PDB file of N, CA and C in Angstrom:
ATOM      1  N   UNK A   1     111.695 101.349  81.880  1.00  0.00           N
ATOM      2  CA  UNK A   1     110.571 100.925  82.697  1.00  0.00           C
ATOM      3  C   UNK A   1     109.716  99.933  81.894  1.00  0.00           C
ATOM      4  N   UNK A   2     109.433  98.817  82.503  1.00  0.00           N
ATOM      5  CA  UNK A   2     108.626  97.796  81.830  1.00  0.00           C
ATOM      6  C   UNK A   2     107.172  98.249  81.753  1.00  0.00           C
ATOM      7  N   UNK A   3     106.513  97.838  80.722  1.00  0.00           N
ATOM      8  CA  UNK A   3     105.110  98.175  80.516  1.00  0.00           C
ATOM      9  C   UNK A   3     104.237  97.430  81.516  1.00  0.00           C
ATOM     10  N   UNK A   4     103.200  98.105  82.008  1.00  0.00           N
ATOM     11  CA  UNK A   4     102.228  97.448  82.880  1.00  0.00           C
ATOM     12  C   UNK A   4     101.491  96.333  82.146  1.00  0.00           C
ATOM     13  N   UNK A   5     101.446  96.409  80.823  1.00  0.00           N
ATOM     14  CA  UNK A   5     100.827  95.327  80.055  1.00  0.00           C
ATOM     15  C   UNK A   5     101.616  94.032  80.221  1.00  0.00           C
ATOM     16  N   UNK A   6     102.880  94.148  80.611  1.00  0.00           N
ATOM     17  CA  UNK A   6     103.731  92.974  80.846  1.00  0.00           C
ATOM     18  C   UNK A   6     103.843  92.633  82.325  1.00  0.00           C
ATOM     19  N   UNK A   7     103.944  93.649  83.184  1.00  0.00           N
ATOM     20  CA  UNK A   7     104.243  93.390  84.596  1.00  0.00           C
ATOM     21  C   UNK A   7     103.014  93.177  85.457  1.00  0.00           C
ATOM     22  N   UNK A   8     101.858  93.719  85.076  1.00  0.00           N
ATOM     23  CA  UNK A   8     100.626  93.509  85.833  1.00  0.00           C
ATOM     24  C   UNK A   8     100.056  92.160  85.424  1.00  0.00           C
ATOM     25  N   UNK A   9      99.829  91.297  86.408  1.00  0.00           N
ATOM     26  CA  UNK A   9      99.417  89.919  86.099  1.00  0.00           C
ATOM     27  C   UNK A   9      97.983  89.647  86.516  1.00  0.00           C
ATOM     28  N   UNK A  10      97.314  88.872  85.706  1.00  0.00           N
ATOM     29  CA  UNK A  10      95.992  88.322  86.007  1.00  0.00           C
ATOM     30  C   UNK A  10      96.117  86.816  85.843  1.00  0.00           C
ATOM     31  N   UNK A  11      95.873  86.116  86.930  1.00  0.00           N
ATOM     32  CA  UNK A  11      96.015  84.655  86.935  1.00  0.00           C
ATOM     33  C   UNK A  11      97.391  84.236  86.427  1.00  0.00           C
ATOM     34  N   UNK A  12      98.408  85.006  86.807  1.00  0.00           N
ATOM     35  CA  UNK A  12      99.778  84.673  86.434  1.00  0.00           C
ATOM     36  C   UNK A  12     100.183  85.056  85.025  1.00  0.00           C
ATOM     37  N   UNK A  13      99.262  85.659  84.282  1.00  0.00           N
ATOM     38  CA  UNK A  13      99.555  86.043  82.894  1.00  0.00           C
ATOM     39  C   UNK A  13      99.636  87.560  82.775  1.00  0.00           C
ATOM     40  N   UNK A  14     100.459  88.060  81.875  1.00  0.00           N
ATOM     41  CA  UNK A  14     100.526  89.507  81.678  1.00  0.00           C
ATOM     42  C   UNK A  14      99.170  90.069  81.251  1.00  0.00           C
ATOM     43  N   UNK A  15      98.840  91.237  81.783  1.00  0.00           N
ATOM     44  CA  UNK A  15      97.563  91.877  81.470  1.00  0.00           C
ATOM     45  C   UNK A  15      97.345  91.998  79.965  1.00  0.00           C
ATOM     46  N   UNK A  16      98.382  92.327  79.236  1.00  0.00           N
ATOM     47  CA  UNK A  16      98.250  92.485  77.790  1.00  0.00           C
ATOM     48  C   UNK A  16      97.898  91.207  77.048  1.00  0.00           C
ATOM     49  N   UNK A  17      98.036  90.056  77.703  1.00  0.00           N
ATOM     50  CA  UNK A  17      97.770  88.774  77.052  1.00  0.00           C
ATOM     51  C   UNK A  17      96.421  88.159  77.402  1.00  0.00           C
ATOM     52  N   UNK A  18      95.664  88.789  78.302  1.00  0.00           N
ATOM     53  CA  UNK A  18      94.364  88.220  78.657  1.00  0.00           C
ATOM     54  C   UNK A  18      93.276  88.884  77.828  1.00  0.00           C
ATOM     55  N   UNK A  19      92.142  88.200  77.716  1.00  0.00           N
ATOM     56  CA  UNK A  19      91.027  88.780  76.971  1.00  0.00           C
ATOM     57  C   UNK A  19      90.340  89.850  77.815  1.00  0.00           C
ATOM     58  N   UNK A  20      89.583  90.687  77.167  1.00  0.00           N
ATOM     59  CA  UNK A  20      88.800  91.707  77.866  1.00  0.00           C
ATOM     60  C   UNK A  20      87.851  91.028  78.846  1.00  0.00           C
ATOM     61  N   UNK A  21      87.225  89.938  78.430  1.00  0.00           N
ATOM     62  CA  UNK A  21      86.306  89.207  79.292  1.00  0.00           C
ATOM     63  C   UNK A  21      87.018  88.711  80.558  1.00  0.00           C
ATOM     64  N   UNK A  22      88.198  88.136  80.401  1.00  0.00           N
ATOM     65  CA  UNK A  22      88.960  87.662  81.560  1.00  0.00           C
ATOM     66  C   UNK A  22      89.322  88.816  82.491  1.00  0.00           C
ATOM     67  N   UNK A  23      89.733  89.940  81.927  1.00  0.00           N
ATOM     68  CA  UNK A  23      90.110  91.099  82.737  1.00  0.00           C
ATOM     69  C   UNK A  23      88.907  91.643  83.502  1.00  0.00           C
ATOM     70  N   UNK A  24      87.764  91.714  82.859  1.00  0.00           N
ATOM     71  CA  UNK A  24      86.556  92.216  83.527  1.00  0.00           C
ATOM     72  C   UNK A  24      86.102  91.267  84.631  1.00  0.00           C
ATOM     73  N   UNK A  25      86.174  89.985  84.383  1.00  0.00           N
ATOM     74  CA  UNK A  25      85.793  88.996  85.394  1.00  0.00           C
ATOM     75  C   UNK A  25      86.717  89.111  86.607  1.00  0.00           C
ATOM     76  N   UNK A  26      88.008  89.239  86.367  1.00  0.00           N
ATOM     77  CA  UNK A  26      89.001  89.412  87.436  1.00  0.00           C
ATOM     78  C   UNK A  26      88.697  90.677  88.239  1.00  0.00           C
ATOM     79  N   UNK A  27      88.407  91.759  87.542  1.00  0.00           N
ATOM     80  CA  UNK A  27      88.133  93.028  88.186  1.00  0.00           C
ATOM     81  C   UNK A  27      86.891  92.954  89.071  1.00  0.00           C
ATOM     82  N   UNK A  28      85.831  92.315  88.581  1.00  0.00           N
ATOM     83  CA  UNK A  28      84.610  92.177  89.378  1.00  0.00           C
ATOM     84  C   UNK A  28      84.870  91.402  90.659  1.00  0.00           C
ATOM     85  N   UNK A  29      85.643  90.315  90.557  1.00  0.00           N
ATOM     86  CA  UNK A  29      85.961  89.527  91.758  1.00  0.00           C
ATOM     87  C   UNK A  29      86.735  90.373  92.752  1.00  0.00           C
ATOM     88  N   UNK A  30      87.685  91.133  92.274  1.00  0.00           N
ATOM     89  CA  UNK A  30      88.505  91.960  93.163  1.00  0.00           C
ATOM     90  C   UNK A  30      87.671  93.044  93.833  1.00  0.00           C
ATOM     91  N   UNK A  31      86.748  93.646  93.098  1.00  0.00           N
ATOM     92  CA  UNK A  31      85.872  94.665  93.681  1.00  0.00           C
ATOM     93  C   UNK A  31      85.034  94.059  94.793  1.00  0.00           C
ATOM     94  N   UNK A  32      84.465  92.884  94.516  1.00  0.00           N
ATOM     95  CA  UNK A  32      83.637  92.213  95.520  1.00  0.00           C
ATOM     96  C   UNK A  32      84.473  91.874  96.741  1.00  0.00           C
ATOM     97  N   UNK A  33      85.658  91.328  96.529  1.00  0.00           N
ATOM     98  CA  UNK A  33      86.515  90.935  97.642  1.00  0.00           C
ATOM     99  C   UNK A  33      86.942  92.142  98.468  1.00  0.00           C
ATOM    100  N   UNK A  34      87.302  93.237  97.795  1.00  0.00           N
ATOM    101  CA  UNK A  34      87.715  94.445  98.505  1.00  0.00           C
ATOM    102  C   UNK A  34      86.541  95.024  99.299  1.00  0.00           C
ATOM    103  N   UNK A  35      85.363  95.053  98.707  1.00  0.00           N
ATOM    104  CA  UNK A  35      84.186  95.559  99.405  1.00  0.00           C
ATOM    105  C   UNK A  35      83.873  94.682 100.610  1.00  0.00           C
ATOM    106  N   UNK A  36      83.972  93.374 100.462  1.00  0.00           N
ATOM    107  CA  UNK A  36      83.740  92.448 101.572  1.00  0.00           C
ATOM    108  C   UNK A  36      84.672  92.756 102.736  1.00  0.00           C
ATOM    109  N   UNK A  37      85.943  92.905 102.476  1.00  0.00           N
ATOM    110  CA  UNK A  37      86.914  93.177 103.542  1.00  0.00           C
ATOM    111  C   UNK A  37      86.637  94.539 104.178  1.00  0.00           C
ATOM    112  N   UNK A  38      86.316  95.531 103.361  1.00  0.00           N
ATOM    113  CA  UNK A  38      85.994  96.850 103.904  1.00  0.00           C
ATOM    114  C   UNK A  38      84.774  96.786 104.812  1.00  0.00           C
ATOM    115  N   UNK A  39      83.725  96.094 104.358  1.00  0.00           N
ATOM    116  CA  UNK A  39      82.506  95.983 105.149  1.00  0.00           C
ATOM    117  C   UNK A  39      82.746  95.168 106.422  1.00  0.00           C
ATOM    118  N   UNK A  40      83.513  94.107 106.315  1.00  0.00           N
ATOM    119  CA  UNK A  40      83.789  93.239 107.458  1.00  0.00           C
ATOM    120  C   UNK A  40      84.559  93.978 108.542  1.00  0.00           C
ATOM    121  N   UNK A  41      85.442  94.863 108.160  1.00  0.00           N
ATOM    122  CA  UNK A  41      86.300  95.551 109.123  1.00  0.00           C
ATOM    123  C   UNK A  41      85.781  96.931 109.510  1.00  0.00           C
ATOM    124  N   UNK A  42      84.698  97.359 108.898  1.00  0.00           N
ATOM    125  CA  UNK A  42      84.147  98.679 109.179  1.00  0.00           C
ATOM    126  C   UNK A  42      83.843  98.840 110.669  1.00  0.00           C
ATOM    127  N   UNK A  43      84.326  99.927 111.243  1.00  0.00           N
ATOM    128  CA  UNK A  43      84.097 100.294 112.647  1.00  0.00           C
ATOM    129  C   UNK A  43      84.771  99.377 113.659  1.00  0.00           C
ATOM    130  N   UNK A  44      85.697  98.537 113.237  1.00  0.00           N
ATOM    131  CA  UNK A  44      86.444  97.705 114.180  1.00  0.00           C
ATOM    132  C   UNK A  44      87.741  98.420 114.561  1.00  0.00           C
ATOM    133  N   UNK A  45      88.208  98.232 115.796  1.00  0.00           N
ATOM    134  CA  UNK A  45      89.492  98.807 116.202  1.00  0.00           C
ATOM    135  C   UNK A  45      90.628  98.251 115.337  1.00  0.00           C
ATOM    136  N   UNK A  46      91.543  99.116 114.932  1.00  0.00           N
ATOM    137  CA  UNK A  46      92.593  98.765 113.972  1.00  0.00           C
ATOM    138  C   UNK A  46      93.486  97.615 114.420  1.00  0.00           C
ATOM    139  N   UNK A  47      93.726  97.458 115.692  1.00  0.00           N
ATOM    140  CA  UNK A  47      94.678  96.443 116.155  1.00  0.00           C
ATOM    141  C   UNK A  47      94.006  95.159 116.639  1.00  0.00           C
ATOM    142  N   UNK A  48      92.702  95.073 116.528  1.00  0.00           N
ATOM    143  CA  UNK A  48      92.006  93.851 116.928  1.00  0.00           C
ATOM    144  C   UNK A  48      92.109  92.791 115.837  1.00  0.00           C
ATOM    145  N   UNK A  49      92.065  91.558 116.240  1.00  0.00           N
ATOM    146  CA  UNK A  49      91.983  90.438 115.300  1.00  0.00           C
ATOM    147  C   UNK A  49      90.520  90.335 114.871  1.00  0.00           C
ATOM    148  N   UNK A  50      90.282  90.231 113.589  1.00  0.00           N
ATOM    149  CA  UNK A  50      88.916  90.247 113.064  1.00  0.00           C
ATOM    150  C   UNK A  50      88.042  89.179 113.714  1.00  0.00           C
ATOM    151  N   UNK A  51      88.574  87.979 113.881  1.00  0.00           N
ATOM    152  CA  UNK A  51      87.810  86.872 114.445  1.00  0.00           C
ATOM    153  C   UNK A  51      87.308  87.176 115.863  1.00  0.00           C
ATOM    154  N   UNK A  52      87.984  88.063 116.558  1.00  0.00           N
ATOM    155  CA  UNK A  52      87.546  88.400 117.916  1.00  0.00           C
ATOM    156  C   UNK A  52      86.320  89.306 117.905  1.00  0.00           C
ATOM    157  N   UNK A  53      86.012  89.872 116.752  1.00  0.00           N
ATOM    158  CA  UNK A  53      84.887  90.807 116.644  1.00  0.00           C
ATOM    159  C   UNK A  53      83.791  90.342 115.690  1.00  0.00           C
ATOM    160  N   UNK A  54      84.109  89.439 114.784  1.00  0.00           N
ATOM    161  CA  UNK A  54      83.135  88.972 113.788  1.00  0.00           C
ATOM    162  C   UNK A  54      83.024  87.453 113.833  1.00  0.00           C
ATOM    163  N   UNK A  55      81.799  86.976 113.690  1.00  0.00           N
ATOM    164  CA  UNK A  55      81.555  85.536 113.661  1.00  0.00           C
ATOM    165  C   UNK A  55      81.575  85.026 112.224  1.00  0.00           C
ATOM    166  N   UNK A  56      81.571  83.709 112.085  1.00  0.00           N
ATOM    167  CA  UNK A  56      81.488  83.107 110.750  1.00  0.00           C
ATOM    168  C   UNK A  56      80.182  83.521 110.077  1.00  0.00           C
ATOM    169  N   UNK A  57      79.118  83.621 110.842  1.00  0.00           N
ATOM    170  CA  UNK A  57      77.829  84.053 110.289  1.00  0.00           C
ATOM    171  C   UNK A  57      77.899  85.510 109.843  1.00  0.00           C
ATOM    172  N   UNK A  58      78.559  86.373 110.618  1.00  0.00           N
ATOM    173  CA  UNK A  58      78.753  87.762 110.197  1.00  0.00           C
ATOM    174  C   UNK A  58      79.465  87.798 108.844  1.00  0.00           C
ATOM    175  N   UNK A  59      80.534  87.025 108.733  1.00  0.00           N
ATOM    176  CA  UNK A  59      81.331  87.012 107.505  1.00  0.00           C
ATOM    177  C   UNK A  59      80.498  86.525 106.324  1.00  0.00           C
ATOM    178  N   UNK A  60      79.723  85.475 106.528  1.00  0.00           N
ATOM    179  CA  UNK A  60      78.877  84.948 105.441  1.00  0.00           C
ATOM    180  C   UNK A  60      77.867  85.991 104.990  1.00  0.00           C
ATOM    181  N   UNK A  61      77.198  86.638 105.952  1.00  0.00           N
ATOM    182  CA  UNK A  61      76.189  87.643 105.643  1.00  0.00           C
ATOM    183  C   UNK A  61      76.814  88.841 104.918  1.00  0.00           C
ATOM    184  N   UNK A  62      77.934  89.303 105.419  1.00  0.00           N
ATOM    185  CA  UNK A  62      78.589  90.464 104.809  1.00  0.00           C
ATOM    186  C   UNK A  62      79.110  90.123 103.412  1.00  0.00           C
ATOM    187  N   UNK A  63      79.611  88.903 103.221  1.00  0.00           N
ATOM    188  CA  UNK A  63      80.058  88.491 101.897  1.00  0.00           C
ATOM    189  C   UNK A  63      78.907  88.515 100.909  1.00  0.00           C
ATOM    190  N   UNK A  64      77.751  88.035 101.316  1.00  0.00           N
ATOM    191  CA  UNK A  64      76.569  88.053 100.446  1.00  0.00           C
ATOM    192  C   UNK A  64      76.171  89.485 100.112  1.00  0.00           C
ATOM    193  N   UNK A  65      76.232  90.374 101.119  1.00  0.00           N
ATOM    194  CA  UNK A  65      75.905  91.778 100.873  1.00  0.00           C
ATOM    195  C   UNK A  65      76.877  92.385  99.859  1.00  0.00           C
ATOM    196  N   UNK A  66      78.154  92.089 100.016  1.00  0.00           N
ATOM    197  CA  UNK A  66      79.162  92.616  99.094  1.00  0.00           C
ATOM    198  C   UNK A  66      78.959  92.061  97.686  1.00  0.00           C
ATOM    199  N   UNK A  67      78.611  90.789  97.595  1.00  0.00           N
ATOM    200  CA  UNK A  67      78.403  90.166  96.296  1.00  0.00           C
ATOM    201  C   UNK A  67      77.198  90.749  95.574  1.00  0.00           C
ATOM    202  N   UNK A  68      76.223  91.232  96.342  1.00  0.00           N
ATOM    203  CA  UNK A  68      74.996  91.767  95.750  1.00  0.00           C
ATOM    204  C   UNK A  68      75.020  93.281  95.589  1.00  0.00           C
ATOM    205  N   UNK A  69      76.117  93.900  95.994  1.00  0.00           N
ATOM    206  CA  UNK A  69      76.200  95.367  95.906  1.00  0.00           C
ATOM    207  C   UNK A  69      76.495  95.823  94.490  1.00  0.00           C
TER     208      UNK A  69
END
C-alpha cells in the first residue's frame, strides 16, 4: 500500500513534499469551500438544481458568510 504522504496531493504535489504552511492554507480553503456548499444547499430538495433555488446574490452572500465563519 502506497503511503498517503505520496498519494494524497496538494496542488498536484505529494502531501509529504509540501510545506506545513502550504498544507494549512490548502486546508483552510477546503474548509471554507465545503462550508459554502453545505450552507448553499442547506434545506434544498436533494434532486433540485441549485440554480433553480438560489440566486447569484444568495451565493455571494453565503460565500461571504462561509469565509467569515
